Amino acid sequence: MANRKILKRLKRKCSVCGKNICAIVYNNRKIRGGHYFGKIPLYRKSEMNKMGRSGAHKSKISRTWTVNVYNYDPKSYAHFEYWECPQCYWHPTMKASPIQQAAIKATLKKRKR
């Protein structure tokens, strides 16, 4: 902690709840006050349609694992930074349907036994 200097202060919005985040970036690339998850590429519908029309081919990853890969890689027109405030990161509120909530409660009861 001796050589920790502030590089910059960022003002961003939480991607989950929309609150303002005041994050501090230090010279050792640590961030305080928010959680940064990277950039998410944004695609146009026309690029996604091109990808769907191009078709796919099978690609072998390992001896037993084969996946379908599209022949066209869509080009992104912009990137979106995904940030979460400490409240949403450490205490997420899940919006689930009543059926999903019942399933979650059932699994938690099974684990406690």
N, C-alpha and C. Protein backbone atom coordinates (compact mmCIF):
# COMPACT_ATOMS: atom_id res chain seq x y z
N MET A 1 0.80 -1.19 0.00
CA MET A 1 0.00 0.00 0.00
C MET A 1 0.85 1.26 0.00
N ALA A 2 2.14 1.13 0.13
CA ALA A 2 2.99 2.29 0.23
C ALA A 2 3.07 3.09 -1.08
N ASN A 3 3.12 2.40 -2.22
CA ASN A 3 3.25 3.08 -3.51
C ASN A 3 1.94 3.20 -4.25
N ARG A 4 0.83 3.29 -3.56
CA ARG A 4 -0.46 3.37 -4.21
C ARG A 4 -0.83 4.82 -4.44
N LYS A 5 -0.86 5.23 -5.71
CA LYS A 5 -1.21 6.60 -6.06
C LYS A 5 -2.46 6.59 -6.92
N ILE A 6 -3.26 7.62 -6.79
CA ILE A 6 -4.49 7.73 -7.56
C ILE A 6 -4.16 8.17 -8.98
N LEU A 7 -4.58 7.36 -9.96
CA LEU A 7 -4.40 7.73 -11.36
C LEU A 7 -5.52 8.63 -11.85
N LYS A 8 -6.76 8.19 -11.62
CA LYS A 8 -7.90 8.99 -12.06
C LYS A 8 -9.15 8.64 -11.27
N ARG A 9 -10.09 9.55 -11.31
CA ARG A 9 -11.39 9.35 -10.68
C ARG A 9 -12.43 9.29 -11.79
N LEU A 10 -13.26 8.25 -11.74
CA LEU A 10 -14.25 8.03 -12.79
C LEU A 10 -15.66 8.20 -12.24
N LYS A 11 -16.53 8.74 -13.06
CA LYS A 11 -17.95 8.82 -12.73
C LYS A 11 -18.69 7.99 -13.76
N ARG A 12 -19.28 6.89 -13.32
CA ARG A 12 -20.01 5.99 -14.19
C ARG A 12 -21.37 5.69 -13.58
N LYS A 13 -22.22 5.01 -14.35
CA LYS A 13 -23.52 4.57 -13.86
C LYS A 13 -23.52 3.06 -13.69
N CYS A 14 -24.19 2.59 -12.66
CA CYS A 14 -24.32 1.15 -12.42
C CYS A 14 -25.21 0.56 -13.52
N SER A 15 -24.78 -0.53 -14.11
CA SER A 15 -25.54 -1.15 -15.19
C SER A 15 -26.77 -1.87 -14.68
N VAL A 16 -26.83 -2.17 -13.39
CA VAL A 16 -27.95 -2.92 -12.84
C VAL A 16 -29.02 -1.98 -12.30
N CYS A 17 -28.64 -1.07 -11.38
CA CYS A 17 -29.64 -0.22 -10.73
C CYS A 17 -29.67 1.21 -11.26
N GLY A 18 -28.63 1.66 -11.93
CA GLY A 18 -28.61 3.00 -12.50
C GLY A 18 -28.07 4.08 -11.58
N LYS A 19 -27.56 3.71 -10.38
CA LYS A 19 -26.99 4.70 -9.47
C LYS A 19 -25.66 5.21 -10.02
N ASN A 20 -25.28 6.42 -9.63
CA ASN A 20 -23.99 6.96 -10.02
C ASN A 20 -22.89 6.33 -9.17
N ILE A 21 -21.77 6.01 -9.82
CA ILE A 21 -20.62 5.41 -9.15
C ILE A 21 -19.45 6.37 -9.26
N CYS A 22 -18.81 6.66 -8.15
CA CYS A 22 -17.57 7.43 -8.16
C CYS A 22 -16.44 6.44 -7.86
N ALA A 23 -15.74 6.01 -8.89
CA ALA A 23 -14.69 5.01 -8.75
C ALA A 23 -13.33 5.68 -8.79
N ILE A 24 -12.40 5.13 -8.03
CA ILE A 24 -11.03 5.61 -7.99
C ILE A 24 -10.14 4.52 -8.57
N VAL A 25 -9.30 4.90 -9.55
CA VAL A 25 -8.37 3.95 -10.18
C VAL A 25 -6.97 4.28 -9.68
N TYR A 26 -6.29 3.27 -9.13
CA TYR A 26 -4.94 3.45 -8.62
C TYR A 26 -3.91 3.03 -9.66
N ASN A 27 -2.65 3.36 -9.42
CA ASN A 27 -1.59 3.05 -10.40
C ASN A 27 -1.30 1.55 -10.50
N ASN A 28 -1.71 0.74 -9.53
CA ASN A 28 -1.53 -0.71 -9.62
C ASN A 28 -2.76 -1.37 -10.24
N ARG A 29 -3.61 -0.60 -10.92
CA ARG A 29 -4.79 -1.04 -11.66
C ARG A 29 -5.91 -1.56 -10.77
N LYS A 30 -5.88 -1.26 -9.49
CA LYS A 30 -6.96 -1.61 -8.59
C LYS A 30 -8.02 -0.52 -8.67
N ILE A 31 -9.28 -0.93 -8.49
CA ILE A 31 -10.39 0.01 -8.55
C ILE A 31 -11.12 -0.02 -7.22
N ARG A 32 -11.47 1.16 -6.72
CA ARG A 32 -12.19 1.26 -5.46
C ARG A 32 -13.48 2.04 -5.70
N GLY A 33 -14.58 1.54 -5.18
CA GLY A 33 -15.85 2.24 -5.30
C GLY A 33 -16.75 1.68 -6.39
N GLY A 34 -16.29 0.70 -7.14
CA GLY A 34 -17.10 0.10 -8.20
C GLY A 34 -16.44 -1.15 -8.72
N HIS A 35 -17.19 -1.95 -9.45
CA HIS A 35 -16.67 -3.19 -10.01
C HIS A 35 -16.82 -3.13 -11.52
N TYR A 36 -15.70 -3.23 -12.25
CA TYR A 36 -15.67 -3.13 -13.70
C TYR A 36 -15.53 -4.53 -14.29
N PHE A 37 -16.39 -4.87 -15.25
CA PHE A 37 -16.39 -6.21 -15.84
C PHE A 37 -15.95 -6.22 -17.29
N GLY A 38 -15.63 -5.08 -17.86
CA GLY A 38 -15.15 -5.05 -19.24
C GLY A 38 -16.14 -4.40 -20.18
N LYS A 39 -15.79 -4.48 -21.46
CA LYS A 39 -16.60 -3.87 -22.50
C LYS A 39 -17.45 -4.93 -23.19
N ILE A 40 -18.69 -4.58 -23.46
CA ILE A 40 -19.61 -5.46 -24.15
C ILE A 40 -19.83 -4.89 -25.54
N PRO A 41 -19.57 -5.67 -26.60
CA PRO A 41 -19.77 -5.14 -27.95
C PRO A 41 -21.25 -5.03 -28.29
N LEU A 42 -21.60 -3.98 -29.03
CA LEU A 42 -22.96 -3.78 -29.49
C LEU A 42 -23.00 -4.01 -31.00
N TYR A 43 -23.98 -4.77 -31.46
CA TYR A 43 -24.08 -5.13 -32.88
C TYR A 43 -25.36 -4.57 -33.48
N ARG A 44 -25.30 -4.22 -34.74
CA ARG A 44 -26.49 -3.80 -35.48
C ARG A 44 -27.28 -5.05 -35.88
N LYS A 45 -28.59 -4.86 -36.12
CA LYS A 45 -29.43 -5.97 -36.53
C LYS A 45 -28.98 -6.52 -37.88
N SER A 46 -28.51 -5.64 -38.77
CA SER A 46 -28.07 -6.09 -40.09
C SER A 46 -26.87 -7.02 -39.98
N GLU A 47 -25.95 -6.72 -39.04
CA GLU A 47 -24.79 -7.60 -38.84
C GLU A 47 -25.22 -8.95 -38.29
N MET A 48 -26.19 -8.95 -37.39
CA MET A 48 -26.67 -10.21 -36.84
C MET A 48 -27.39 -11.03 -37.91
N ASN A 49 -28.12 -10.35 -38.81
CA ASN A 49 -28.78 -11.05 -39.92
C ASN A 49 -27.75 -11.67 -40.86
N LYS A 50 -26.67 -10.94 -41.14
CA LYS A 50 -25.60 -11.48 -42.00
C LYS A 50 -25.01 -12.74 -41.36
N MET A 51 -24.81 -12.70 -40.06
CA MET A 51 -24.25 -13.84 -39.36
C MET A 51 -25.18 -15.04 -39.47
N GLY A 52 -26.48 -14.81 -39.31
CA GLY A 52 -27.44 -15.90 -39.40
C GLY A 52 -27.53 -16.49 -40.80
N ARG A 53 -27.41 -15.63 -41.83
CA ARG A 53 -27.49 -16.11 -43.21
C ARG A 53 -26.23 -16.83 -43.66
N SER A 54 -25.10 -16.56 -43.02
CA SER A 54 -23.83 -17.12 -43.48
C SER A 54 -23.73 -18.63 -43.24
N GLY A 55 -24.52 -19.14 -42.32
CA GLY A 55 -24.47 -20.57 -42.02
C GLY A 55 -23.41 -20.88 -40.97
N ALA A 56 -23.27 -22.15 -40.67
CA ALA A 56 -22.32 -22.57 -39.64
C ALA A 56 -21.61 -23.85 -40.07
N HIS A 57 -20.49 -24.09 -39.43
CA HIS A 57 -19.76 -25.33 -39.66
C HIS A 57 -19.38 -25.92 -38.31
N LYS A 58 -19.11 -27.21 -38.29
CA LYS A 58 -18.74 -27.88 -37.04
C LYS A 58 -17.24 -27.76 -36.84
N SER A 59 -16.87 -27.47 -35.60
CA SER A 59 -15.46 -27.35 -35.25
C SER A 59 -15.19 -28.24 -34.04
N LYS A 60 -14.11 -29.02 -34.13
CA LYS A 60 -13.77 -29.94 -33.05
C LYS A 60 -12.84 -29.24 -32.07
N ILE A 61 -13.26 -29.15 -30.82
CA ILE A 61 -12.43 -28.54 -29.79
C ILE A 61 -11.56 -29.60 -29.13
N SER A 62 -12.16 -30.72 -28.84
CA SER A 62 -11.40 -31.85 -28.30
C SER A 62 -11.92 -33.12 -28.97
N ARG A 63 -11.45 -34.25 -28.54
CA ARG A 63 -11.85 -35.50 -29.15
C ARG A 63 -13.35 -35.76 -29.02
N THR A 64 -13.92 -35.33 -27.90
CA THR A 64 -15.33 -35.62 -27.64
C THR A 64 -16.24 -34.40 -27.78
N TRP A 65 -15.67 -33.23 -27.95
CA TRP A 65 -16.47 -32.00 -27.94
C TRP A 65 -16.44 -31.34 -29.31
N THR A 66 -17.60 -31.25 -29.97
CA THR A 66 -17.75 -30.60 -31.26
C THR A 66 -18.78 -29.49 -31.12
N VAL A 67 -18.48 -28.29 -31.63
CA VAL A 67 -19.38 -27.15 -31.53
C VAL A 67 -19.66 -26.59 -32.92
N ASN A 68 -20.79 -25.88 -33.04
CA ASN A 68 -21.13 -25.19 -34.28
C ASN A 68 -20.56 -23.77 -34.23
N VAL A 69 -19.90 -23.35 -35.30
CA VAL A 69 -19.28 -22.03 -35.37
C VAL A 69 -19.84 -21.31 -36.59
N TYR A 70 -20.26 -20.06 -36.43
CA TYR A 70 -20.77 -19.28 -37.56
C TYR A 70 -19.63 -18.95 -38.52
N ASN A 71 -19.96 -18.86 -39.81
CA ASN A 71 -18.97 -18.55 -40.83
C ASN A 71 -18.64 -17.05 -40.89
N TYR A 72 -19.49 -16.21 -40.31
CA TYR A 72 -19.29 -14.76 -40.36
C TYR A 72 -19.22 -14.21 -38.94
N ASP A 73 -18.23 -13.41 -38.67
CA ASP A 73 -18.08 -12.76 -37.37
C ASP A 73 -18.63 -11.35 -37.46
N PRO A 74 -19.71 -11.01 -36.73
CA PRO A 74 -20.30 -9.68 -36.86
C PRO A 74 -19.36 -8.59 -36.35
N LYS A 75 -19.40 -7.44 -36.99
CA LYS A 75 -18.58 -6.29 -36.59
C LYS A 75 -19.38 -5.42 -35.63
N SER A 76 -18.79 -5.05 -34.53
CA SER A 76 -19.50 -4.20 -33.56
C SER A 76 -19.34 -2.74 -33.96
N TYR A 77 -20.35 -1.94 -33.66
CA TYR A 77 -20.29 -0.51 -33.98
C TYR A 77 -19.93 0.32 -32.75
N ALA A 78 -20.06 -0.26 -31.56
CA ALA A 78 -19.71 0.46 -30.33
C ALA A 78 -19.52 -0.55 -29.22
N HIS A 79 -19.01 -0.07 -28.09
CA HIS A 79 -18.83 -0.91 -26.91
C HIS A 79 -19.50 -0.23 -25.71
N PHE A 80 -20.02 -1.05 -24.82
CA PHE A 80 -20.68 -0.59 -23.62
C PHE A 80 -19.88 -1.07 -22.42
N GLU A 81 -19.51 -0.18 -21.51
CA GLU A 81 -18.76 -0.57 -20.31
C GLU A 81 -19.74 -1.05 -19.25
N TYR A 82 -19.47 -2.24 -18.71
CA TYR A 82 -20.34 -2.83 -17.70
C TYR A 82 -19.75 -2.58 -16.31
N TRP A 83 -20.42 -1.75 -15.51
CA TRP A 83 -20.01 -1.42 -14.15
C TRP A 83 -21.12 -1.82 -13.20
N GLU A 84 -20.73 -2.23 -11.99
CA GLU A 84 -21.70 -2.49 -10.93
C GLU A 84 -21.27 -1.75 -9.67
N CYS A 85 -22.25 -1.18 -8.97
CA CYS A 85 -21.96 -0.53 -7.70
C CYS A 85 -21.72 -1.62 -6.64
N PRO A 86 -21.08 -1.29 -5.53
CA PRO A 86 -20.82 -2.31 -4.51
C PRO A 86 -22.08 -2.98 -3.98
N GLN A 87 -23.18 -2.23 -3.87
CA GLN A 87 -24.43 -2.81 -3.36
C GLN A 87 -24.96 -3.89 -4.30
N CYS A 88 -24.95 -3.64 -5.60
CA CYS A 88 -25.45 -4.63 -6.56
C CYS A 88 -24.49 -5.81 -6.69
N TYR A 89 -23.19 -5.57 -6.49
CA TYR A 89 -22.21 -6.64 -6.61
C TYR A 89 -22.27 -7.59 -5.42
N TRP A 90 -22.31 -7.05 -4.22
CA TRP A 90 -22.27 -7.88 -3.02
C TRP A 90 -23.63 -8.38 -2.58
N HIS A 91 -24.71 -7.64 -2.86
CA HIS A 91 -26.06 -8.02 -2.43
C HIS A 91 -27.01 -7.90 -3.61
N PRO A 92 -26.91 -8.81 -4.58
CA PRO A 92 -27.78 -8.70 -5.76
C PRO A 92 -29.23 -9.01 -5.41
N THR A 93 -30.15 -8.24 -5.98
CA THR A 93 -31.56 -8.53 -5.83
C THR A 93 -32.02 -9.20 -7.11
N MET A 94 -32.55 -10.37 -6.97
CA MET A 94 -32.93 -11.14 -8.14
C MET A 94 -34.42 -10.98 -8.39
N LYS A 95 -34.76 -10.60 -9.61
CA LYS A 95 -36.16 -10.50 -9.99
C LYS A 95 -36.52 -11.79 -10.72
N ALA A 96 -37.20 -12.67 -10.01
CA ALA A 96 -37.54 -13.97 -10.57
C ALA A 96 -39.06 -14.16 -10.52
N SER A 97 -39.56 -15.01 -11.38
CA SER A 97 -40.98 -15.33 -11.37
C SER A 97 -41.29 -16.19 -10.15
N PRO A 98 -42.55 -16.28 -9.77
CA PRO A 98 -42.90 -17.11 -8.60
C PRO A 98 -42.47 -18.58 -8.76
N ILE A 99 -42.50 -19.09 -9.98
CA ILE A 99 -42.08 -20.49 -10.21
C ILE A 99 -40.58 -20.63 -9.95
N GLN A 100 -39.79 -19.65 -10.44
CA GLN A 100 -38.35 -19.69 -10.22
C GLN A 100 -38.03 -19.54 -8.73
N GLN A 101 -38.76 -18.67 -8.04
CA GLN A 101 -38.52 -18.47 -6.61
C GLN A 101 -38.80 -19.75 -5.83
N ALA A 102 -39.86 -20.48 -6.21
CA ALA A 102 -40.18 -21.74 -5.54
C ALA A 102 -39.08 -22.77 -5.78
N ALA A 103 -38.54 -22.79 -7.01
CA ALA A 103 -37.46 -23.74 -7.32
C ALA A 103 -36.20 -23.40 -6.53
N ILE A 104 -35.91 -22.11 -6.39
CA ILE A 104 -34.73 -21.69 -5.63
C ILE A 104 -34.87 -22.07 -4.16
N LYS A 105 -36.07 -21.84 -3.59
CA LYS A 105 -36.29 -22.20 -2.20
C LYS A 105 -36.14 -23.71 -1.99
N ALA A 106 -36.63 -24.50 -2.95
CA ALA A 106 -36.53 -25.95 -2.84
C ALA A 106 -35.08 -26.41 -2.87
N THR A 107 -34.27 -25.81 -3.73
CA THR A 107 -32.85 -26.21 -3.80
C THR A 107 -32.11 -25.79 -2.55
N LEU A 108 -32.42 -24.62 -2.01
CA LEU A 108 -31.75 -24.18 -0.78
C LEU A 108 -32.12 -25.09 0.38
N LYS A 109 -33.36 -25.55 0.45
CA LYS A 109 -33.76 -26.46 1.52
C LYS A 109 -33.01 -27.78 1.41
N LYS A 110 -32.80 -28.25 0.19
CA LYS A 110 -32.08 -29.50 0.00
C LYS A 110 -30.63 -29.39 0.45
N ARG A 111 -30.01 -28.23 0.20
CA ARG A 111 -28.61 -28.03 0.59
C ARG A 111 -28.43 -27.96 2.09
N LYS A 112 -29.39 -27.38 2.80
CA LYS A 112 -29.26 -27.20 4.24
C LYS A 112 -29.28 -28.52 5.00
N ARG A 113 -29.91 -29.52 4.45
CA ARG A 113 -30.01 -30.82 5.14
C ARG A 113 -28.73 -31.51 5.21
